[in-house]
Protein backbone atom coordinates (compact mmCIF):
# COMPACT_ATOMS: atom_id res chain seq x y z
CA MET A 1 6.05 -2.27 11.98
CA SER A 2 9.45 -1.08 12.95
CA PRO A 3 10.69 2.42 12.16
CA LEU A 4 12.55 2.89 8.92
CA ASP A 5 16.26 3.49 9.34
CA ASP A 6 17.08 7.05 8.14
CA THR A 7 20.05 5.87 6.08
CA ALA A 8 18.03 3.08 4.45
CA THR A 9 15.19 5.49 3.69
CA GLU A 10 17.55 7.98 2.06
CA GLU A 11 19.17 5.20 0.01
CA LEU A 12 15.72 3.88 -1.02
CA LEU A 13 14.69 7.32 -2.27
CA ARG A 14 17.97 7.97 -4.07
CA THR A 15 17.90 4.53 -5.74
CA ALA A 16 14.41 5.39 -6.99
CA GLY A 17 15.82 8.62 -8.48
CA LEU A 18 14.17 10.86 -5.89
CA ARG A 19 15.65 13.46 -3.57
CA SER A 20 15.44 12.54 0.09
CA THR A 21 13.14 15.27 1.40
CA ALA A 22 11.52 15.54 4.82
CA PRO A 23 7.96 15.17 3.42
CA ARG A 24 8.88 11.99 1.53
CA ARG A 25 10.65 10.49 4.53
CA THR A 26 7.74 11.39 6.83
CA VAL A 27 5.11 9.88 4.52
CA LEU A 28 7.18 6.71 4.20
CA GLN A 29 7.42 6.43 7.98
CA VAL A 30 3.67 6.96 8.43
CA LEU A 31 2.91 4.24 5.87
CA GLU A 32 5.50 1.90 7.37
CA ASP A 33 3.76 2.28 10.74
CA HIS A 34 0.19 2.35 9.33
CA PRO A 35 -0.05 0.44 6.02
CA HIS A 36 -3.04 0.53 3.66
CA GLN A 37 -3.91 4.18 4.34
CA THR A 38 -5.77 6.43 1.94
CA ALA A 39 -4.38 9.91 1.24
CA ALA A 40 -6.93 11.25 3.75
CA GLY A 41 -5.74 8.73 6.34
CA VAL A 42 -2.12 9.70 5.77
CA ALA A 43 -3.06 13.40 6.10
CA GLU A 44 -4.82 12.71 9.39
CA LEU A 45 -1.86 10.75 10.78
CA LEU A 46 0.56 13.48 9.66
CA GLY A 47 -1.58 16.09 11.41
CA GLU A 48 -1.65 14.04 14.62
CA ALA A 49 2.15 13.83 14.48
CA GLY A 50 2.44 17.59 13.96
CA ALA A 51 3.84 17.07 10.46
CA GLY A 52 0.89 18.22 8.39
CA MET A 53 1.34 19.28 4.77
CA SER A 54 -0.95 20.70 2.13
CA ARG A 55 -3.25 18.31 0.31
CA GLN A 56 -1.47 19.03 -2.98
CA SER A 57 1.97 18.38 -1.47
CA LEU A 58 0.78 15.09 0.01
CA HIS A 59 -0.70 13.96 -3.30
CA ASN A 60 2.52 14.94 -5.10
CA VAL A 61 4.58 12.90 -2.61
CA LEU A 62 2.26 9.87 -2.92
CA GLU A 63 2.35 10.12 -6.73
CA ASP A 64 6.16 10.38 -6.84
CA LEU A 65 6.65 7.48 -4.43
CA THR A 66 4.13 5.28 -6.27
CA ARG A 67 5.38 6.13 -9.77
CA THR A 68 8.94 5.19 -8.82
CA GLY A 69 7.93 1.94 -7.08
CA VAL A 70 8.77 3.06 -3.54
CA LEU A 71 5.10 2.69 -2.59
CA ARG A 72 2.46 0.30 -3.82
CA SER A 73 -1.06 1.57 -4.45
CA ILE A 74 -4.10 -0.68 -4.32
CA GLN A 75 -7.69 0.35 -4.90
CA PRO A 76 -10.25 -2.03 -3.41
CA VAL A 77 -13.75 -1.78 -4.88
CA GLY A 78 -15.55 1.20 -3.39
CA SER A 79 -12.42 2.65 -1.79
CA ALA A 80 -10.01 5.45 -2.50
CA PRO A 81 -6.48 4.27 -3.38
CA ARG A 82 -4.57 2.88 -0.42
CA TYR A 83 -0.81 2.94 -0.06
CA GLU A 84 1.78 0.64 1.48
CA THR A 85 5.56 0.32 1.67
CA LYS A 86 5.57 -3.45 1.10
CA VAL A 87 6.52 -3.56 -2.59
CA ASP A 88 9.15 -6.30 -2.78
CA ASP A 89 6.86 -9.31 -3.05
CA ASN A 90 3.68 -10.41 -4.79
CA HIS A 91 1.36 -10.49 -1.78
CA HIS A 92 -2.36 -9.94 -2.06
CA HIS A 93 -5.06 -8.35 0.10
CA ILE A 94 -8.31 -9.11 1.86
CA VAL A 95 -10.76 -6.26 2.49
CA CYS A 96 -13.64 -6.15 4.93
CA ARG A 97 -16.75 -5.24 2.95
CA GLU A 98 -18.28 -3.68 6.06
CA CYS A 99 -15.59 -1.44 7.62
CA GLY A 100 -12.95 -1.40 4.87
CA ALA A 101 -10.13 -2.93 6.98
CA VAL A 102 -7.33 -4.27 4.76
CA SER A 103 -4.91 -7.10 5.57
CA ASP A 104 -2.03 -8.60 3.61
CA VAL A 105 -2.40 -12.17 2.37
CA ALA A 106 0.65 -14.18 1.34
CA CYS A 107 0.60 -15.90 -2.04
CA ALA A 108 -0.78 -19.41 -1.97
CA THR A 109 1.62 -22.27 -2.43
CA GLY A 110 0.53 -25.60 -3.76
CA ARG A 111 -2.95 -24.72 -4.96
CA ALA A 112 -2.18 -21.29 -6.40
CA THR A 113 -4.69 -18.81 -7.68
CA CYS A 114 -4.52 -17.79 -11.33
CA LEU A 115 -1.28 -15.79 -11.24
CA THR A 116 -0.22 -16.34 -14.84
CA PRO A 117 -2.45 -15.05 -17.64
CA ALA A 118 -3.47 -17.55 -20.32
CA SER A 119 -2.27 -15.08 -22.95
CA THR A 120 -0.80 -11.59 -23.04
CA PRO A 121 -1.84 -10.01 -26.36
CA ASP A 122 0.04 -6.80 -27.07
CA PHE A 123 2.07 -7.03 -23.83
CA ALA A 124 5.77 -7.86 -23.84
CA VAL A 125 6.17 -7.81 -20.04
CA VAL A 126 3.77 -9.04 -17.36
CA GLU A 127 4.88 -8.05 -13.86
CA HIS A 128 2.42 -9.32 -11.27
CA ALA A 129 -1.19 -10.07 -10.44
CA ASP A 130 -3.23 -8.01 -7.99
CA ILE A 131 -5.72 -10.21 -6.19
CA THR A 132 -8.12 -8.83 -3.61
CA TRP A 133 -10.48 -10.97 -1.60
CA SER A 134 -13.42 -9.52 0.27
CA GLY A 135 -15.23 -10.72 3.36
CA LEU A 136 -15.97 -9.69 6.92
CA CYS A 137 -13.25 -9.01 9.48
CA VAL A 138 -13.55 -10.47 12.98
CA ASN A 139 -14.95 -7.18 14.28
CA CYS A 140 -17.73 -7.01 11.66
CA ALA A 141 -18.67 -10.69 11.30
CA PRO A 142 -21.78 -11.81 13.18
CA THR A 143 -20.90 -13.85 16.24
CA THR A 144 -22.64 -16.88 14.70
CA THR A 145 -19.94 -17.11 11.99
CA ARG A 146 -17.00 -16.97 14.40
């Protein structure tokens, strides 16, 4: 992915009601470049870039960015939450059940999956559906299935 523009990043944070701090901007850039990371993965990438921060600070940043809709959090079965900057659409995910690799999947057109609930008891607003498929990535699938 391409680097986030500093001005756009600052505007994104301010629009979300957050101060534009160096830790928030750095975490956003890491997740823009490396989507679907766990907190541990983000911490490792920050350390490699010489921008490490305490575990608590990182979790606070991830919580703030997720709570305000700047980040999206998904939690595939058997995985820690994973974070991404792609929040402006209703895409879905496919997860390798062997190595845990995650890829984005665009919404189906034509023969759509169940994206609208049959009923919404006690809910006035329904925002989106989170659909996660599982399978084997090309690196983990046996050569006979390729």
